[in-house]
Amino acid sequence: MKYKFVDIGTSHFSTSIDIYGTEIDGVLVEPIKKYLDVIPASEKIIKANYAISNFDGEGFINADVPNEEIYYASESKMKELKNTNPNEHSKIGGHGWGSLTNPANLQKNHLLCKLITFYTLCKLYDIQEVEFIKIDTEGHDHIILEQIYNMIKQKKLIVTDKIKFEYNYLSNKEKLNDLVNKFESELGFIKEFVEVDGQPDIILHRME
């Protein structure tokens, strides 16, 4: 099946629905159900309550989940808050992260969650072709990117436009650099560095 996007690690703000809307086929992946529940969607959007890792099972995610009621903040809402209410902007962003790795860099709030591989995600939802993949998993990105590389290499997945992932202080840059080189030299992608809230991301663009 063809999907417009697969968004891994959505949190509760600035997701791919802000780009593509909800009346298309897309997959939102988020281990914290409280975040997933507030994201607006339609029957065409799949909400997958998992963390993507290197095995199927259960594991603990390090996350800062607020006790108070939360809401979905679109990309435009986050920009508005950044300009008019920096404290609220910071509060939402601070509640947005969660990681299976680098626990020393994160608050000690361990939540049990369901883990699946990217391979399993594709099997569950018949993901064969996707335009845009976004990965935001606070240091776990290289594990997911490697699985995506393997699937494309084995012709089990087609990515028609781009893959975006974090490249910051939590990232395993050695492994990411190696994977980026493989995407460029073997799979016909080209990298672009972009800055998001002062932190670097990489976009791999599919070349025709």
N, C-alpha and C. Protein backbone atom coordinates (compact mmCIF):
# COMPACT_ATOMS: atom_id res chain seq x y z
N MET A 1 0.84 -1.19 0.00
CA MET A 1 0.00 0.00 0.00
C MET A 1 0.88 1.25 0.00
N LYS A 2 0.41 2.29 -0.65
CA LYS A 2 1.12 3.56 -0.70
C LYS A 2 0.63 4.49 0.41
N TYR A 3 1.58 5.11 1.11
CA TYR A 3 1.27 6.09 2.15
C TYR A 3 1.94 7.41 1.82
N LYS A 4 1.30 8.48 2.23
CA LYS A 4 1.89 9.81 2.05
C LYS A 4 3.04 10.03 3.03
N PHE A 5 2.83 9.58 4.27
CA PHE A 5 3.88 9.74 5.27
C PHE A 5 3.83 8.63 6.30
N VAL A 6 4.99 8.40 6.93
CA VAL A 6 5.12 7.61 8.15
C VAL A 6 5.90 8.49 9.12
N ASP A 7 5.26 8.86 10.21
CA ASP A 7 5.83 9.81 11.18
C ASP A 7 6.11 9.04 12.46
N ILE A 8 7.39 8.83 12.77
CA ILE A 8 7.80 7.99 13.90
C ILE A 8 8.27 8.87 15.06
N GLY A 9 7.59 8.75 16.20
CA GLY A 9 7.91 9.57 17.36
C GLY A 9 7.19 10.91 17.28
N THR A 10 5.87 10.85 17.12
CA THR A 10 5.11 12.07 16.83
C THR A 10 5.05 13.06 17.98
N SER A 11 5.04 12.57 19.22
CA SER A 11 4.70 13.40 20.37
C SER A 11 3.31 14.02 20.15
N HIS A 12 3.10 15.23 20.62
CA HIS A 12 1.77 15.85 20.48
C HIS A 12 1.86 17.25 19.87
N PHE A 13 2.87 17.44 19.02
CA PHE A 13 2.99 18.72 18.33
C PHE A 13 3.79 18.56 17.04
N SER A 14 3.54 19.45 16.09
CA SER A 14 4.33 19.56 14.86
C SER A 14 4.53 18.22 14.15
N THR A 15 3.43 17.57 13.78
CA THR A 15 3.52 16.29 13.09
C THR A 15 3.34 16.48 11.58
N SER A 16 3.41 15.38 10.85
CA SER A 16 3.29 15.42 9.39
C SER A 16 1.90 15.82 8.92
N ILE A 17 0.89 15.73 9.79
CA ILE A 17 -0.44 16.17 9.36
C ILE A 17 -0.48 17.67 9.13
N ASP A 18 0.46 18.41 9.74
CA ASP A 18 0.52 19.85 9.50
C ASP A 18 0.96 20.15 8.06
N ILE A 19 1.67 19.22 7.45
CA ILE A 19 2.13 19.38 6.07
C ILE A 19 1.10 18.83 5.09
N TYR A 20 0.59 17.64 5.39
CA TYR A 20 -0.22 16.91 4.41
C TYR A 20 -1.72 16.89 4.72
N GLY A 21 -2.11 17.30 5.91
CA GLY A 21 -3.52 17.20 6.28
C GLY A 21 -3.88 15.79 6.74
N THR A 22 -5.17 15.56 6.94
CA THR A 22 -5.62 14.28 7.47
C THR A 22 -6.40 13.44 6.45
N GLU A 23 -6.67 13.98 5.28
CA GLU A 23 -7.47 13.24 4.29
C GLU A 23 -6.59 12.49 3.30
N ILE A 24 -5.52 11.95 3.80
CA ILE A 24 -4.61 11.13 2.99
C ILE A 24 -4.23 9.91 3.82
N ASP A 25 -3.55 8.95 3.20
CA ASP A 25 -3.11 7.77 3.92
C ASP A 25 -1.77 8.06 4.59
N GLY A 26 -1.77 7.99 5.92
CA GLY A 26 -0.55 8.24 6.67
C GLY A 26 -0.53 7.41 7.94
N VAL A 27 0.67 7.29 8.52
CA VAL A 27 0.84 6.51 9.75
C VAL A 27 1.55 7.38 10.79
N LEU A 28 0.92 7.55 11.94
CA LEU A 28 1.50 8.26 13.07
C LEU A 28 1.92 7.22 14.10
N VAL A 29 3.20 7.22 14.49
CA VAL A 29 3.73 6.21 15.41
C VAL A 29 4.22 6.91 16.68
N GLU A 30 3.67 6.51 17.82
CA GLU A 30 4.01 7.15 19.09
C GLU A 30 3.75 6.18 20.23
N PRO A 31 4.76 5.95 21.10
CA PRO A 31 4.57 4.99 22.20
C PRO A 31 3.70 5.50 23.34
N ILE A 32 3.58 6.81 23.47
CA ILE A 32 2.80 7.38 24.58
C ILE A 32 1.39 7.69 24.08
N LYS A 33 0.43 6.89 24.51
CA LYS A 33 -0.93 6.97 23.99
C LYS A 33 -1.56 8.33 24.28
N LYS A 34 -1.21 8.93 25.39
CA LYS A 34 -1.75 10.23 25.76
C LYS A 34 -1.43 11.28 24.69
N TYR A 35 -0.26 11.18 24.09
CA TYR A 35 0.12 12.09 23.00
C TYR A 35 -0.64 11.74 21.73
N LEU A 36 -0.66 10.46 21.42
CA LEU A 36 -1.28 10.01 20.18
C LEU A 36 -2.76 10.37 20.13
N ASP A 37 -3.42 10.27 21.27
CA ASP A 37 -4.88 10.49 21.32
C ASP A 37 -5.30 11.90 20.95
N VAL A 38 -4.45 12.90 21.22
CA VAL A 38 -4.86 14.29 20.98
C VAL A 38 -4.54 14.78 19.57
N ILE A 39 -3.83 13.97 18.78
CA ILE A 39 -3.51 14.38 17.42
C ILE A 39 -4.75 14.25 16.54
N PRO A 40 -5.18 15.32 15.88
CA PRO A 40 -6.35 15.22 15.00
C PRO A 40 -6.08 14.30 13.83
N ALA A 41 -7.08 13.53 13.46
CA ALA A 41 -6.88 12.57 12.38
C ALA A 41 -8.22 12.25 11.72
N SER A 42 -8.18 11.39 10.74
CA SER A 42 -9.38 10.89 10.07
C SER A 42 -9.29 9.37 10.03
N GLU A 43 -10.27 8.74 9.41
CA GLU A 43 -10.25 7.29 9.29
C GLU A 43 -9.10 6.82 8.40
N LYS A 44 -8.54 7.72 7.60
CA LYS A 44 -7.45 7.35 6.71
C LYS A 44 -6.10 7.33 7.42
N ILE A 45 -6.02 8.00 8.56
CA ILE A 45 -4.77 8.08 9.30
C ILE A 45 -4.70 6.95 10.32
N ILE A 46 -3.62 6.19 10.30
CA ILE A 46 -3.40 5.13 11.28
C ILE A 46 -2.62 5.70 12.45
N LYS A 47 -3.11 5.45 13.67
CA LYS A 47 -2.38 5.79 14.88
C LYS A 47 -1.81 4.51 15.47
N ALA A 48 -0.50 4.35 15.41
CA ALA A 48 0.17 3.13 15.86
C ALA A 48 0.85 3.39 17.20
N ASN A 49 0.35 2.78 18.25
CA ASN A 49 0.84 3.03 19.61
C ASN A 49 2.02 2.11 19.94
N TYR A 50 3.18 2.43 19.35
CA TYR A 50 4.39 1.65 19.54
C TYR A 50 5.61 2.57 19.60
N ALA A 51 6.69 2.02 20.15
CA ALA A 51 8.02 2.58 19.95
C ALA A 51 8.73 1.68 18.95
N ILE A 52 9.41 2.27 17.99
CA ILE A 52 10.12 1.49 16.98
C ILE A 52 11.55 1.24 17.48
N SER A 53 11.93 -0.03 17.53
CA SER A 53 13.24 -0.39 18.05
C SER A 53 13.84 -1.52 17.20
N ASN A 54 14.79 -2.26 17.78
CA ASN A 54 15.45 -3.32 17.03
C ASN A 54 14.94 -4.72 17.39
N PHE A 55 13.82 -4.79 18.16
CA PHE A 55 13.18 -6.07 18.43
C PHE A 55 11.72 -5.83 18.78
N ASP A 56 10.94 -6.88 18.73
CA ASP A 56 9.53 -6.84 19.11
C ASP A 56 9.39 -7.31 20.55
N GLY A 57 8.63 -6.55 21.33
CA GLY A 57 8.42 -6.95 22.71
C GLY A 57 7.99 -5.78 23.56
N GLU A 58 8.56 -5.67 24.75
CA GLU A 58 8.27 -4.55 25.64
C GLU A 58 9.57 -3.94 26.12
N GLY A 59 9.51 -2.65 26.47
CA GLY A 59 10.69 -1.98 26.98
C GLY A 59 10.30 -0.69 27.65
N PHE A 60 11.26 -0.06 28.31
CA PHE A 60 10.99 1.19 29.02
C PHE A 60 11.48 2.37 28.19
N ILE A 61 10.63 3.37 28.10
CA ILE A 61 10.99 4.61 27.45
C ILE A 61 11.21 5.66 28.53
N ASN A 62 12.25 6.49 28.35
CA ASN A 62 12.51 7.59 29.27
C ASN A 62 11.78 8.81 28.74
N ALA A 63 10.77 9.27 29.46
CA ALA A 63 9.94 10.35 28.93
C ALA A 63 9.45 11.27 30.04
N ASP A 64 9.21 12.51 29.67
CA ASP A 64 8.69 13.52 30.59
C ASP A 64 7.23 13.75 30.23
N VAL A 65 6.33 12.99 30.83
CA VAL A 65 4.91 13.07 30.48
C VAL A 65 4.18 13.87 31.55
N PRO A 66 3.52 14.97 31.17
CA PRO A 66 2.83 15.82 32.16
C PRO A 66 1.58 15.14 32.72
N ASN A 67 1.24 15.46 33.95
CA ASN A 67 0.02 14.95 34.56
C ASN A 67 -1.21 15.73 34.11
N GLU A 68 -0.99 17.01 33.77
CA GLU A 68 -2.13 17.84 33.38
C GLU A 68 -2.61 17.49 31.98
N GLU A 69 -3.78 18.00 31.65
CA GLU A 69 -4.34 17.76 30.32
C GLU A 69 -3.46 18.41 29.26
N ILE A 70 -3.26 17.72 28.16
CA ILE A 70 -2.46 18.27 27.08
C ILE A 70 -3.33 18.48 25.84
N TYR A 71 -2.80 19.20 24.88
CA TYR A 71 -3.52 19.44 23.63
C TYR A 71 -2.54 19.32 22.48
N TYR A 72 -3.10 19.21 21.26
CA TYR A 72 -2.23 19.14 20.10
C TYR A 72 -1.85 20.56 19.66
N ALA A 73 -0.56 20.77 19.46
CA ALA A 73 -0.05 22.06 19.00
C ALA A 73 0.51 21.88 17.59
N SER A 74 -0.15 22.48 16.61
CA SER A 74 0.30 22.39 15.23
C SER A 74 1.62 23.15 15.04
N GLU A 75 2.23 22.99 13.89
CA GLU A 75 3.46 23.71 13.59
C GLU A 75 3.24 25.22 13.65
N SER A 76 2.12 25.69 13.13
CA SER A 76 1.82 27.12 13.17
C SER A 76 1.58 27.59 14.60
N LYS A 77 0.95 26.74 15.42
CA LYS A 77 0.73 27.08 16.83
C LYS A 77 2.05 27.16 17.57
N MET A 78 2.97 26.26 17.30
CA MET A 78 4.26 26.29 17.95
C MET A 78 5.06 27.53 17.58
N LYS A 79 4.97 27.95 16.31
CA LYS A 79 5.65 29.18 15.90
C LYS A 79 5.04 30.40 16.59
N GLU A 80 3.72 30.38 16.70
CA GLU A 80 3.04 31.48 17.39
C GLU A 80 3.46 31.56 18.85
N LEU A 81 3.50 30.42 19.52
CA LEU A 81 3.90 30.38 20.92
C LEU A 81 5.36 30.81 21.10
N LYS A 82 6.21 30.41 20.17
CA LYS A 82 7.62 30.78 20.26
C LYS A 82 7.79 32.28 20.24
N ASN A 83 6.94 32.97 19.47
CA ASN A 83 7.03 34.42 19.34
C ASN A 83 6.29 35.17 20.45
N THR A 84 5.19 34.59 20.93
CA THR A 84 4.33 35.31 21.87
C THR A 84 4.36 34.78 23.29
N ASN A 85 4.65 33.50 23.45
CA ASN A 85 4.64 32.89 24.79
C ASN A 85 5.74 31.82 24.87
N PRO A 86 7.00 32.26 24.96
CA PRO A 86 8.12 31.31 24.95
C PRO A 86 8.03 30.26 26.06
N ASN A 87 7.47 30.64 27.21
CA ASN A 87 7.36 29.68 28.30
C ASN A 87 6.45 28.51 27.93
N GLU A 88 5.32 28.81 27.28
CA GLU A 88 4.40 27.76 26.87
C GLU A 88 5.02 26.91 25.76
N HIS A 89 5.72 27.59 24.84
CA HIS A 89 6.40 26.87 23.76
C HIS A 89 7.40 25.89 24.34
N SER A 90 8.20 26.33 25.31
CA SER A 90 9.21 25.48 25.94
C SER A 90 8.55 24.34 26.71
N LYS A 91 7.44 24.64 27.35
CA LYS A 91 6.73 23.63 28.13
C LYS A 91 6.23 22.49 27.23
N ILE A 92 5.64 22.84 26.09
CA ILE A 92 5.15 21.82 25.17
C ILE A 92 6.30 21.01 24.61
N GLY A 93 7.35 21.70 24.16
CA GLY A 93 8.50 21.00 23.62
C GLY A 93 9.16 20.10 24.65
N GLY A 94 9.23 20.57 25.88
CA GLY A 94 9.82 19.77 26.95
C GLY A 94 9.03 18.51 27.23
N HIS A 95 7.73 18.58 27.03
CA HIS A 95 6.89 17.40 27.24
C HIS A 95 6.87 16.50 26.02
N GLY A 96 7.56 16.91 24.97
CA GLY A 96 7.44 16.18 23.72
C GLY A 96 8.39 15.02 23.56
N TRP A 97 9.48 15.02 24.33
CA TRP A 97 10.49 14.03 23.99
C TRP A 97 10.34 12.73 24.78
N GLY A 98 10.85 11.69 24.18
CA GLY A 98 10.93 10.39 24.85
C GLY A 98 11.95 9.55 24.12
N SER A 99 12.75 8.78 24.85
CA SER A 99 13.83 8.04 24.22
C SER A 99 14.01 6.67 24.84
N LEU A 100 14.38 5.71 23.98
CA LEU A 100 14.76 4.38 24.44
C LEU A 100 16.25 4.31 24.75
N THR A 101 16.98 5.38 24.40
CA THR A 101 18.43 5.39 24.56
C THR A 101 18.85 6.62 25.35
N ASN A 102 20.14 6.66 25.70
CA ASN A 102 20.72 7.81 26.40
C ASN A 102 19.94 8.22 27.65
N PRO A 103 19.61 7.28 28.53
CA PRO A 103 18.82 7.65 29.71
C PRO A 103 19.52 8.65 30.62
N ALA A 104 20.86 8.70 30.57
CA ALA A 104 21.58 9.62 31.42
C ALA A 104 21.29 11.08 31.06
N ASN A 105 20.90 11.31 29.82
CA ASN A 105 20.63 12.68 29.36
C ASN A 105 19.17 13.09 29.58
N LEU A 106 18.36 12.16 30.08
CA LEU A 106 16.94 12.41 30.19
C LEU A 106 16.47 12.25 31.62
N GLN A 107 15.32 12.82 31.92
CA GLN A 107 14.75 12.66 33.25
C GLN A 107 14.38 11.20 33.48
N LYS A 108 14.51 10.76 34.73
CA LYS A 108 14.28 9.35 35.06
C LYS A 108 12.78 9.10 35.26
N ASN A 109 12.05 9.03 34.17
CA ASN A 109 10.62 8.72 34.20
C ASN A 109 10.41 7.57 33.23
N HIS A 110 10.48 6.35 33.73
CA HIS A 110 10.49 5.17 32.87
C HIS A 110 9.07 4.66 32.66
N LEU A 111 8.65 4.58 31.42
CA LEU A 111 7.31 4.11 31.08
C LEU A 111 7.40 2.85 30.24
N LEU A 112 6.68 1.82 30.64
CA LEU A 112 6.66 0.58 29.87
C LEU A 112 5.87 0.79 28.59
N CYS A 113 6.43 0.37 27.46
CA CYS A 113 5.73 0.55 26.19
C CYS A 113 5.95 -0.66 25.29
N LYS A 114 5.13 -0.74 24.26
CA LYS A 114 5.24 -1.82 23.28
C LYS A 114 6.30 -1.46 22.24
N LEU A 115 7.18 -2.40 21.97
CA LEU A 115 8.25 -2.20 21.00
C LEU A 115 8.03 -3.08 19.78
N ILE A 116 8.24 -2.52 18.61
CA ILE A 116 8.26 -3.30 17.38
C ILE A 116 9.37 -2.76 16.49
N THR A 117 9.82 -3.57 15.55
CA THR A 117 10.79 -3.10 14.58
C THR A 117 10.06 -2.34 13.47
N PHE A 118 10.84 -1.62 12.68
CA PHE A 118 10.27 -0.98 11.49
C PHE A 118 9.77 -2.04 10.52
N TYR A 119 10.46 -3.17 10.47
CA TYR A 119 10.03 -4.28 9.61
C TYR A 119 8.62 -4.72 10.00
N THR A 120 8.39 -4.87 11.30
CA THR A 120 7.07 -5.30 11.79
C THR A 120 6.02 -4.24 11.52
N LEU A 121 6.38 -2.98 11.69
CA LEU A 121 5.44 -1.89 11.39
C LEU A 121 4.95 -1.99 9.95
N CYS A 122 5.88 -2.22 9.04
CA CYS A 122 5.53 -2.32 7.62
C CYS A 122 4.61 -3.52 7.35
N LYS A 123 4.87 -4.64 8.04
CA LYS A 123 4.01 -5.81 7.88
C LYS A 123 2.61 -5.55 8.43
N LEU A 124 2.54 -4.92 9.60
CA LEU A 124 1.24 -4.67 10.24
C LEU A 124 0.33 -3.81 9.38
N TYR A 125 0.91 -2.81 8.72
CA TYR A 125 0.09 -1.84 8.00
C TYR A 125 0.34 -1.86 6.49
N ASP A 126 0.97 -2.92 6.02
CA ASP A 126 1.20 -3.12 4.59
C ASP A 126 1.86 -1.90 3.95
N ILE A 127 2.91 -1.41 4.58
CA ILE A 127 3.65 -0.25 4.07
C ILE A 127 4.63 -0.73 3.01
N GLN A 128 4.33 -0.43 1.76
CA GLN A 128 5.20 -0.81 0.64
C GLN A 128 5.84 0.39 -0.03
N GLU A 129 5.13 1.51 0.01
CA GLU A 129 5.64 2.73 -0.62
C GLU A 129 5.20 3.93 0.22
N VAL A 130 6.12 4.86 0.43
CA VAL A 130 5.82 6.04 1.24
C VAL A 130 6.56 7.24 0.66
N GLU A 131 5.91 8.38 0.70
CA GLU A 131 6.52 9.59 0.17
C GLU A 131 7.52 10.20 1.15
N PHE A 132 7.13 10.27 2.42
CA PHE A 132 7.94 10.98 3.42
C PHE A 132 7.99 10.17 4.71
N ILE A 133 9.20 9.94 5.22
CA ILE A 133 9.38 9.31 6.52
C ILE A 133 10.07 10.31 7.44
N LYS A 134 9.47 10.52 8.60
CA LYS A 134 10.04 11.41 9.61
C LYS A 134 10.37 10.59 10.85
N ILE A 135 11.60 10.72 11.35
CA ILE A 135 12.04 9.99 12.54
C ILE A 135 12.47 11.00 13.61
N ASP A 136 11.85 10.93 14.77
CA ASP A 136 12.17 11.84 15.87
C ASP A 136 12.14 11.03 17.16
N THR A 137 13.25 10.33 17.44
CA THR A 137 13.25 9.36 18.53
C THR A 137 14.39 9.57 19.52
N GLU A 138 14.94 10.77 19.57
CA GLU A 138 15.88 11.18 20.60
C GLU A 138 17.03 10.18 20.80
N GLY A 139 17.81 9.99 19.75
CA GLY A 139 19.00 9.16 19.85
C GLY A 139 18.84 7.75 19.32
N HIS A 140 17.60 7.37 18.98
CA HIS A 140 17.34 6.02 18.48
C HIS A 140 17.24 6.00 16.95
N ASP A 141 17.45 7.15 16.32
CA ASP A 141 17.18 7.30 14.89
C ASP A 141 18.01 6.36 14.02
N HIS A 142 19.27 6.13 14.39
CA HIS A 142 20.15 5.30 13.55
C HIS A 142 19.66 3.86 13.47
N ILE A 143 19.03 3.38 14.52
CA ILE A 143 18.51 2.00 14.53
C ILE A 143 17.38 1.85 13.53
N ILE A 144 16.50 2.85 13.50
CA ILE A 144 15.37 2.83 12.57
C ILE A 144 15.84 3.07 11.15
N LEU A 145 16.76 4.02 10.98
CA LEU A 145 17.26 4.34 9.65
C LEU A 145 17.94 3.14 9.01
N GLU A 146 18.64 2.34 9.80
CA GLU A 146 19.30 1.15 9.26
C GLU A 146 18.27 0.15 8.73
N GLN A 147 17.16 0.00 9.44
CA GLN A 147 16.11 -0.91 8.97
C GLN A 147 15.47 -0.40 7.68
N ILE A 148 15.28 0.91 7.59
CA ILE A 148 14.75 1.50 6.36
C ILE A 148 15.72 1.27 5.20
N TYR A 149 17.01 1.47 5.46
CA TYR A 149 18.03 1.20 4.44
C TYR A 149 17.95 -0.24 3.95
N ASN A 150 17.87 -1.17 4.89
CA ASN A 150 17.82 -2.59 4.52
C ASN A 150 16.60 -2.91 3.66
N MET A 151 15.46 -2.33 4.00
CA MET A 151 14.23 -2.61 3.25
C MET A 151 14.30 -2.03 1.84
N ILE A 152 14.85 -0.82 1.72
CA ILE A 152 14.99 -0.23 0.39
C ILE A 152 15.99 -1.04 -0.44
N LYS A 153 17.09 -1.41 0.19
CA LYS A 153 18.13 -2.18 -0.50
C LYS A 153 17.59 -3.51 -1.01
N GLN A 154 16.72 -4.12 -0.20
CA GLN A 154 16.13 -5.41 -0.56
C GLN A 154 14.88 -5.27 -1.43
N LYS A 155 14.57 -4.04 -1.83
CA LYS A 155 13.41 -3.74 -2.68
C LYS A 155 12.09 -4.15 -2.04
N LYS A 156 12.05 -4.02 -0.71
CA LYS A 156 10.81 -4.29 0.02
C LYS A 156 10.09 -3.01 0.42
N LEU A 157 10.71 -1.86 0.14
CA LEU A 157 10.13 -0.56 0.46
C LEU A 157 10.61 0.45 -0.57
N ILE A 158 9.69 1.32 -0.98
CA ILE A 158 10.02 2.43 -1.88
C ILE A 158 9.76 3.74 -1.14
N VAL A 159 10.76 4.61 -1.09
CA VAL A 159 10.59 5.97 -0.55
C VAL A 159 10.73 6.92 -1.73
N THR A 160 9.65 7.63 -2.03
CA THR A 160 9.62 8.41 -3.27
C THR A 160 10.11 9.85 -3.12
N ASP A 161 10.19 10.36 -1.87
CA ASP A 161 10.58 11.76 -1.72
C ASP A 161 11.72 11.95 -0.74
N LYS A 162 11.47 11.79 0.58
CA LYS A 162 12.53 12.12 1.53
C LYS A 162 12.36 11.41 2.86
N ILE A 163 13.47 11.39 3.60
CA ILE A 163 13.54 10.85 4.96
C ILE A 163 14.19 11.92 5.83
N LYS A 164 13.55 12.26 6.93
CA LYS A 164 14.07 13.29 7.83
C LYS A 164 14.32 12.69 9.20
N PHE A 165 15.48 13.02 9.81
CA PHE A 165 15.81 12.50 11.13
C PHE A 165 16.72 13.48 11.86
N GLU A 166 16.85 13.27 13.17
CA GLU A 166 17.64 14.16 14.00
C GLU A 166 19.14 13.84 13.89
N TYR A 167 19.93 14.89 14.07
CA TYR A 167 21.39 14.76 14.02
C TYR A 167 21.97 15.72 15.07
N ASN A 168 21.73 15.39 16.35
CA ASN A 168 22.10 16.31 17.42
C ASN A 168 22.93 15.61 18.49
N TYR A 169 22.99 16.21 19.68
CA TYR A 169 23.88 15.71 20.73
C TYR A 169 23.47 14.32 21.25
N LEU A 170 22.24 13.90 21.00
CA LEU A 170 21.80 12.57 21.41
C LEU A 170 22.10 11.51 20.35
N SER A 171 22.42 11.95 19.15
CA SER A 171 22.56 11.04 18.01
C SER A 171 23.88 10.27 18.04
N ASN A 172 23.84 9.07 17.52
CA ASN A 172 25.07 8.31 17.25
C ASN A 172 25.55 8.74 15.86
N LYS A 173 26.36 9.77 15.84
CA LYS A 173 26.72 10.39 14.56
C LYS A 173 27.62 9.49 13.71
N GLU A 174 28.43 8.66 14.35
CA GLU A 174 29.27 7.74 13.58
C GLU A 174 28.41 6.79 12.76
N LYS A 175 27.40 6.22 13.39
CA LYS A 175 26.52 5.28 12.69
C LYS A 175 25.65 6.00 11.67
N LEU A 176 25.18 7.19 12.04
CA LEU A 176 24.37 7.95 11.09
C LEU A 176 25.17 8.35 9.86
N ASN A 177 26.41 8.78 10.07
CA ASN A 177 27.25 9.17 8.94
C ASN A 177 27.47 8.00 7.99
N ASP A 178 27.70 6.83 8.57
CA ASP A 178 27.90 5.63 7.75
C ASP A 178 26.65 5.30 6.94
N LEU A 179 25.49 5.41 7.58
CA LEU A 179 24.23 5.12 6.89
C LEU A 179 23.94 6.15 5.81
N VAL A 180 24.20 7.42 6.11
CA VAL A 180 23.98 8.47 5.12
C VAL A 180 24.84 8.22 3.88
N ASN A 181 26.08 7.83 4.10
CA ASN A 181 26.97 7.51 2.97
C ASN A 181 26.39 6.39 2.12
N LYS A 182 25.81 5.39 2.76
CA LYS A 182 25.22 4.26 2.03
C LYS A 182 23.97 4.71 1.25
N PHE A 183 23.15 5.54 1.87
CA PHE A 183 21.97 6.05 1.17
C PHE A 183 22.38 6.84 -0.07
N GLU A 184 23.47 7.62 0.05
CA GLU A 184 23.91 8.44 -1.08
C GLU A 184 24.60 7.61 -2.16
N SER A 185 25.48 6.71 -1.75
CA SER A 185 26.28 5.97 -2.72
C SER A 185 25.55 4.77 -3.32
N GLU A 186 24.60 4.20 -2.58
CA GLU A 186 23.96 2.97 -3.03
C GLU A 186 22.50 3.13 -3.44
N LEU A 187 21.81 4.09 -2.84
CA LEU A 187 20.35 4.15 -3.02
C LEU A 187 19.85 5.39 -3.76
N GLY A 188 20.75 6.28 -4.13
CA GLY A 188 20.34 7.44 -4.93
C GLY A 188 19.70 8.56 -4.16
N PHE A 189 20.12 8.77 -2.90
CA PHE A 189 19.65 9.89 -2.11
C PHE A 189 20.75 10.93 -2.00
N ILE A 190 20.39 12.15 -1.62
CA ILE A 190 21.36 13.18 -1.34
C ILE A 190 20.96 13.89 -0.05
N LYS A 191 21.93 14.19 0.82
CA LYS A 191 21.64 14.75 2.13
C LYS A 191 21.57 16.27 2.12
N GLU A 192 20.76 16.77 3.04
CA GLU A 192 20.66 18.21 3.29
C GLU A 192 20.61 18.42 4.80
N PHE A 193 21.45 19.32 5.31
CA PHE A 193 21.39 19.68 6.72
C PHE A 193 20.41 20.84 6.90
N VAL A 194 19.51 20.71 7.90
CA VAL A 194 18.58 21.78 8.23
C VAL A 194 18.63 22.00 9.74
N GLU A 195 18.18 23.17 10.17
CA GLU A 195 18.18 23.50 11.60
C GLU A 195 16.75 23.62 12.08
N VAL A 196 16.44 22.94 13.19
CA VAL A 196 15.12 22.99 13.80
C VAL A 196 15.29 23.38 15.26
N ASP A 197 14.79 24.58 15.61
CA ASP A 197 14.93 25.09 16.98
C ASP A 197 16.37 25.02 17.48
N GLY A 198 17.28 25.38 16.61
CA GLY A 198 18.68 25.44 16.99
C GLY A 198 19.41 24.13 16.97
N GLN A 199 18.73 23.05 16.61
CA GLN A 199 19.36 21.73 16.55
C GLN A 199 19.37 21.21 15.11
N PRO A 200 20.45 20.53 14.71
CA PRO A 200 20.54 20.06 13.32
C PRO A 200 19.73 18.79 13.05
N ASP A 201 19.09 18.74 11.92
CA ASP A 201 18.46 17.55 11.37
C ASP A 201 19.08 17.28 10.01
N ILE A 202 18.88 16.07 9.51
CA ILE A 202 19.29 15.71 8.15
C ILE A 202 18.05 15.28 7.38
N ILE A 203 17.95 15.75 6.15
CA ILE A 203 16.94 15.27 5.22
C ILE A 203 17.65 14.55 4.08
N LEU A 204 17.25 13.32 3.83
CA LEU A 204 17.74 12.57 2.70
C LEU A 204 16.72 12.69 1.58
N HIS A 205 17.08 13.33 0.50
CA HIS A 205 16.18 13.54 -0.64
C HIS A 205 16.41 12.45 -1.70
N ARG A 206 15.33 11.89 -2.14
CA ARG A 206 15.38 10.90 -3.21
C ARG A 206 15.67 11.62 -4.54
N MET A 207 16.71 11.23 -5.23
CA MET A 207 17.05 11.84 -6.51
C MET A 207 16.44 11.04 -7.65
N GLU A 208 15.95 11.72 -8.66
CA GLU A 208 15.36 11.03 -9.82
C GLU A 208 16.45 10.42 -10.70
